[in-house]
Amino acid sequence: MDHRYRAVDNVRAALTLIVYPLNYIVNLPSEISSWASDTFVTRDTLQEQNNTLRTQNNFLEMQIQKLASLQAENIRLRELLQSSKKVGEKKLVAEIISVALDPHKRLIRLDKGSLDEAEPGYKVKPGLPLIDAQGVMGQITYTDLLNSVAILITDPSHTLPVQINRNGLRTILVGTGLPSSPLEIPYLPNNADIKVGDLLVTSGLGGVYPTGYPAAKVREISIDPSLPFAKIIAEPTANLTQGRQVLLIWPRIKSVKPLTQNTKQDLP
């Protein structure tokens, strides 16, 4: 019996060996179909995950860029507030929302109007000076309920009473509107005590700007003996073309005199 069973097992093993290739060939299309299906599903899933990760990465990069912008804005705001603490006037932070399109004018529109106030009784109105952390920028010339227009000190129609910080010599700064020579000091004689690098600060004359704010530094002095006055070019200390935040200040004097011009139509 053992011999007979052993013979049957040998025959079965031989048949299995012969039939296996046939079974493999019969099952091969099904196996290939299943492998292809899994492969394509996996590829689609990976592609979808890749697109999701790419979108998330772009979003995170945008957030990082915004964070850098907010950090820079926070630094500028701190500088503005530190500048206001030094002088003690009432103050209100405003944001620049547009600039004049006319290349010969230096006007900006702010997001603060006559409805805004630093404290009760201190409303935004024409004549208010505006500064940044480095110095004087200009003054408000027009307000509506929600916005206001300000003229910068480099505008050709603007004049600013100043004095030389070193010796107290009084003079005026006149805007030119030119990038190469934004401010000029006219009517100083050739022998006036003024030097390149002198700091010019507001004198307080005229009742518009408080005393002692940095306004400009002397950049160039040209003397022609045939002319009675020196040609003096100055650079604003304020960053007139950088940043979006400015500081409106209420001088300690009771009245503020605005410029007698309407600039409403000059801005979009």
Protein backbone atom coordinates (compact mmCIF):
# COMPACT_ATOMS: atom_id res chain seq x y z
CA MET A 1 0.00 0.00 0.00
CA ASP A 2 2.75 2.44 0.84
CA HIS A 3 4.34 1.76 -2.48
CA ARG A 4 1.03 2.40 -4.27
CA TYR A 5 0.33 5.72 -2.48
CA ARG A 6 3.87 6.87 -3.17
CA ALA A 7 3.35 6.22 -6.88
CA VAL A 8 0.11 8.24 -6.88
CA ASP A 9 1.84 11.17 -5.17
CA ASN A 10 4.58 11.09 -7.75
CA VAL A 11 2.02 11.19 -10.55
CA ARG A 12 0.14 14.07 -8.87
CA ALA A 13 3.34 16.05 -8.44
CA ALA A 14 4.24 15.47 -12.09
CA LEU A 15 0.78 16.63 -13.22
CA THR A 16 0.97 19.73 -10.99
CA LEU A 17 4.32 20.63 -12.54
CA ILE A 18 2.83 20.28 -16.02
CA VAL A 19 -0.39 22.19 -15.23
CA TYR A 20 1.27 25.14 -13.37
CA PRO A 21 2.46 26.97 -16.52
CA LEU A 22 -1.02 26.60 -17.97
CA ASN A 23 -2.59 28.08 -14.82
CA TYR A 24 -0.03 30.91 -14.87
CA ILE A 25 -0.85 31.71 -18.51
CA VAL A 26 -4.61 31.58 -17.83
CA ASN A 27 -4.31 33.90 -14.78
CA LEU A 28 -1.77 36.25 -16.40
CA PRO A 29 -4.30 38.67 -18.00
CA SER A 30 -6.12 39.03 -14.70
CA GLU A 31 -2.87 39.61 -12.83
CA ILE A 32 -1.73 42.18 -15.39
CA SER A 33 -5.08 43.96 -15.22
CA SER A 34 -4.97 44.06 -11.41
CA TRP A 35 -1.35 45.31 -11.42
CA ALA A 36 -2.13 48.00 -13.97
CA SER A 37 -5.20 49.11 -12.05
CA ASP A 38 -3.24 49.38 -8.80
CA THR A 39 -0.44 51.20 -10.58
CA PHE A 40 -2.72 53.79 -12.17
CA VAL A 41 -4.68 54.29 -8.95
CA THR A 42 -1.44 54.78 -7.06
CA ARG A 43 -0.18 57.21 -9.73
CA ASP A 44 -3.42 59.21 -9.65
CA THR A 45 -3.32 59.30 -5.85
CA LEU A 46 0.29 60.46 -5.84
CA GLN A 47 -0.49 63.11 -8.45
CA GLU A 48 -3.41 64.36 -6.38
CA GLN A 49 -1.30 64.42 -3.23
CA ASN A 50 1.47 66.22 -5.10
CA ASN A 51 -0.96 68.89 -6.32
CA THR A 52 -2.33 69.31 -2.79
CA LEU A 53 1.15 69.66 -1.33
CA ARG A 54 2.14 72.14 -4.04
CA THR A 55 -0.93 74.26 -3.28
CA GLN A 56 -0.19 74.15 0.45
CA ASN A 57 3.43 75.10 -0.21
CA ASN A 58 2.38 78.11 -2.31
CA PHE A 59 -0.03 79.17 0.41
CA LEU A 60 2.70 78.90 3.07
CA GLU A 61 5.10 80.91 0.91
CA MET A 62 2.45 83.63 0.54
CA GLN A 63 1.97 83.66 4.31
CA ILE A 64 5.74 84.00 4.83
CA GLN A 65 5.85 86.94 2.42
CA LYS A 66 2.93 88.58 4.20
CA LEU A 67 4.61 87.97 7.56
CA ALA A 68 7.77 89.72 6.34
CA SER A 69 5.66 92.66 5.17
CA LEU A 70 3.85 92.82 8.51
CA GLN A 71 7.13 92.69 10.40
CA ALA A 72 8.51 95.61 8.36
CA GLU A 73 5.28 97.54 8.89
CA ASN A 74 5.43 96.85 12.63
CA ILE A 75 8.99 98.20 12.75
CA ARG A 76 7.92 101.38 10.94
CA LEU A 77 4.97 101.85 13.29
CA ARG A 78 7.23 101.47 16.33
CA GLU A 79 9.58 104.08 14.86
CA LEU A 80 6.65 106.43 14.31
CA LEU A 81 5.41 106.02 17.86
CA GLN A 82 8.90 106.48 19.26
CA SER A 83 9.20 109.68 17.22
CA SER A 84 5.93 111.02 18.63
CA LYS A 85 6.95 110.27 22.23
CA LYS A 86 9.97 112.54 21.87
CA VAL A 87 7.86 115.63 21.24
CA GLY A 88 4.66 114.98 23.17
CA GLU A 89 2.05 116.31 20.71
CA LYS A 90 -1.24 114.52 20.08
CA LYS A 91 -0.80 112.04 17.27
CA LEU A 92 -2.71 109.70 14.96
CA VAL A 93 -1.29 107.07 12.60
CA ALA A 94 -2.59 107.29 9.03
CA GLU A 95 -1.95 105.18 5.92
CA ILE A 96 -1.17 106.43 2.43
CA ILE A 97 -3.75 105.06 -0.02
CA SER A 98 -2.78 106.89 -3.22
CA VAL A 99 -0.36 109.42 -4.68
CA ALA A 100 -0.81 112.19 -7.25
CA LEU A 101 -0.45 111.06 -10.86
CA ASP A 102 0.78 114.49 -11.94
CA PRO A 103 4.62 114.27 -12.00
CA HIS A 104 4.86 117.98 -11.11
CA LYS A 105 2.88 117.64 -7.89
CA ARG A 106 3.79 115.91 -4.63
CA LEU A 107 0.43 115.03 -3.10
CA ILE A 108 -0.75 111.96 -1.19
CA ARG A 109 -4.17 110.76 -0.04
CA LEU A 110 -4.57 109.38 3.48
CA ASP A 111 -7.15 107.03 4.97
CA LYS A 112 -8.10 109.48 7.73
CA GLY A 113 -10.78 112.18 7.36
CA SER A 114 -12.76 114.67 9.40
CA LEU A 115 -14.59 111.84 11.20
CA ASP A 116 -11.29 110.62 12.66
CA GLU A 117 -9.66 112.09 15.75
CA ALA A 118 -6.69 111.39 17.98
CA GLU A 119 -8.71 112.26 21.08
CA PRO A 120 -12.03 114.03 21.62
CA GLY A 121 -11.61 117.51 20.22
CA TYR A 122 -8.57 116.64 18.09
CA LYS A 123 -10.08 115.98 14.67
CA VAL A 124 -8.28 115.60 11.36
CA LYS A 125 -8.45 118.94 9.52
CA PRO A 126 -6.56 121.03 6.96
CA GLY A 127 -3.27 122.39 8.24
CA LEU A 128 -2.21 119.40 10.33
CA PRO A 129 1.45 118.49 9.88
CA LEU A 130 2.47 114.93 9.10
CA ILE A 131 5.79 113.31 9.89
CA ASP A 132 7.50 109.96 9.79
CA ALA A 133 10.20 108.55 12.07
CA GLN A 134 12.90 110.61 10.35
CA GLY A 135 11.30 114.01 9.97
CA VAL A 136 8.69 116.34 8.49
CA MET A 137 6.75 115.13 5.47
CA GLY A 138 4.15 117.83 4.78
CA GLN A 139 0.71 119.05 5.84
CA ILE A 140 -2.94 118.28 5.18
CA THR A 141 -4.60 120.65 2.72
CA TYR A 142 -8.04 119.07 2.25
CA THR A 143 -10.31 116.69 4.16
CA ASP A 144 -13.58 114.92 3.55
CA LEU A 145 -15.39 112.62 5.95
CA LEU A 146 -13.21 109.57 5.34
CA ASN A 147 -10.02 110.74 3.60
CA SER A 148 -7.63 113.64 3.43
CA VAL A 149 -5.09 115.04 0.98
CA ALA A 150 -1.64 116.17 2.08
CA ILE A 151 1.03 118.16 0.27
CA LEU A 152 4.64 117.04 0.71
CA ILE A 153 7.45 119.46 1.46
CA THR A 154 8.99 118.73 -1.96
CA ASP A 155 5.96 120.08 -3.84
CA PRO A 156 6.87 123.21 -5.87
CA SER A 157 4.14 125.24 -4.14
CA HIS A 158 5.27 124.38 -0.60
CA THR A 159 7.52 126.48 1.63
CA LEU A 160 8.71 125.50 5.10
CA PRO A 161 10.20 127.88 7.71
CA VAL A 162 13.31 126.26 9.16
CA GLN A 163 16.47 127.09 11.04
CA ILE A 164 19.95 125.65 11.01
CA ASN A 165 20.21 123.40 14.02
CA ARG A 166 23.88 124.24 14.51
CA ASN A 167 23.55 128.01 14.87
CA GLY A 168 19.84 128.91 14.80
CA LEU A 169 20.04 130.81 11.47
CA ARG A 170 16.50 131.11 10.12
CA THR A 171 15.63 130.48 6.47
CA ILE A 172 13.02 128.70 4.35
CA LEU A 173 12.91 125.44 2.43
CA VAL A 174 11.20 125.53 -0.96
CA GLY A 175 10.08 122.40 -2.77
CA THR A 176 11.08 121.90 -6.39
CA GLY A 177 9.32 118.67 -7.34
CA LEU A 178 12.59 117.48 -8.91
CA PRO A 179 14.11 114.13 -7.85
CA SER A 180 17.65 115.46 -8.34
CA SER A 181 17.21 118.54 -6.13
CA PRO A 182 14.00 118.12 -4.11
CA LEU A 183 14.50 121.14 -1.81
CA GLU A 184 16.19 124.51 -2.22
CA ILE A 185 17.15 127.23 0.24
CA PRO A 186 16.80 130.59 -1.54
CA TYR A 187 17.86 134.08 -0.54
CA LEU A 188 20.81 133.16 1.68
CA PRO A 189 23.82 135.42 0.92
CA ASN A 190 27.11 133.93 -0.16
CA ASN A 191 28.68 134.60 3.24
CA ALA A 192 25.90 132.94 5.25
CA ASP A 193 27.04 130.52 7.96
CA ILE A 194 25.77 127.31 6.41
CA LYS A 195 27.68 124.11 5.63
CA VAL A 196 27.12 120.87 3.76
CA GLY A 197 25.63 118.37 6.20
CA ASP A 198 23.90 121.00 8.36
CA LEU A 199 20.62 119.79 9.80
CA LEU A 200 17.60 122.02 9.17
CA VAL A 201 14.78 121.82 11.71
CA THR A 202 11.37 123.46 11.79
CA SER A 203 11.47 126.93 13.35
CA GLY A 204 7.81 127.06 14.36
CA LEU A 205 7.27 130.35 12.52
CA GLY A 206 4.02 130.58 10.58
CA GLY A 207 2.03 128.55 13.09
CA VAL A 208 1.89 125.33 11.03
CA TYR A 209 4.77 123.10 12.09
CA PRO A 210 5.90 122.68 15.69
CA THR A 211 9.44 123.72 16.55
CA GLY A 212 12.36 121.34 16.38
CA TYR A 213 11.32 118.67 13.87
CA PRO A 214 14.07 117.54 11.47
CA ALA A 215 13.24 118.64 7.95
CA ALA A 216 16.32 118.36 5.71
CA LYS A 217 20.08 118.19 5.48
CA VAL A 218 22.18 120.47 3.30
CA ARG A 219 23.56 118.44 0.39
CA GLU A 220 25.21 120.98 -1.89
CA ILE A 221 26.28 124.64 -1.77
CA SER A 222 27.23 126.50 -4.94
CA ILE A 223 28.57 130.06 -4.72
CA ASP A 224 28.81 132.36 -7.74
CA PRO A 225 30.49 135.70 -6.85
CA SER A 226 28.48 137.40 -9.59
CA LEU A 227 25.20 136.48 -7.86
CA PRO A 228 24.01 137.86 -4.50
CA PHE A 229 22.67 134.54 -3.19
CA ALA A 230 24.14 131.06 -2.89
CA LYS A 231 22.47 128.09 -4.54
CA ILE A 232 21.79 125.58 -1.79
CA ILE A 233 20.29 122.12 -2.30
CA ALA A 234 18.91 120.06 0.59
CA GLU A 235 17.60 116.52 1.00
CA PRO A 236 14.53 115.72 3.12
CA THR A 237 15.25 113.68 6.22
CA ALA A 238 11.86 111.96 5.93
CA ASN A 239 11.38 108.96 3.65
CA LEU A 240 8.85 110.61 1.34
CA THR A 241 8.77 107.78 -1.19
CA GLN A 242 9.00 104.78 1.16
CA GLY A 243 6.56 103.15 3.55
CA ARG A 244 2.82 103.64 3.86
CA GLN A 245 2.38 104.89 7.41
CA VAL A 246 2.60 108.53 8.48
CA LEU A 247 1.92 110.29 11.76
CA LEU A 248 -0.50 113.20 12.01
CA ILE A 249 0.38 115.56 14.86
CA TRP A 250 -1.56 118.29 16.62
CA PRO A 251 0.80 121.15 17.55
CA ARG A 252 0.52 122.55 21.05
CA ILE A 253 -0.41 125.95 19.56
CA LYS A 254 -4.16 126.46 19.40
CA SER A 255 -4.55 127.35 15.74
CA VAL A 256 -3.25 125.60 12.64
CA LYS A 257 -3.08 127.49 9.37
CA PRO A 258 -3.70 125.40 6.25
CA LEU A 259 -2.42 126.23 2.80
CA THR A 260 -4.94 128.26 0.83
CA GLN A 261 -5.34 125.90 -2.09
CA ASN A 262 -7.77 123.16 -3.07
CA THR A 263 -6.03 119.90 -3.91
CA LYS A 264 -9.11 117.69 -3.97
CA GLN A 265 -9.10 117.32 -7.75
CA ASP A 266 -5.41 116.43 -7.98
CA LEU A 267 -5.74 112.89 -6.66
CA PRO A 268 -7.71 109.92 -7.94
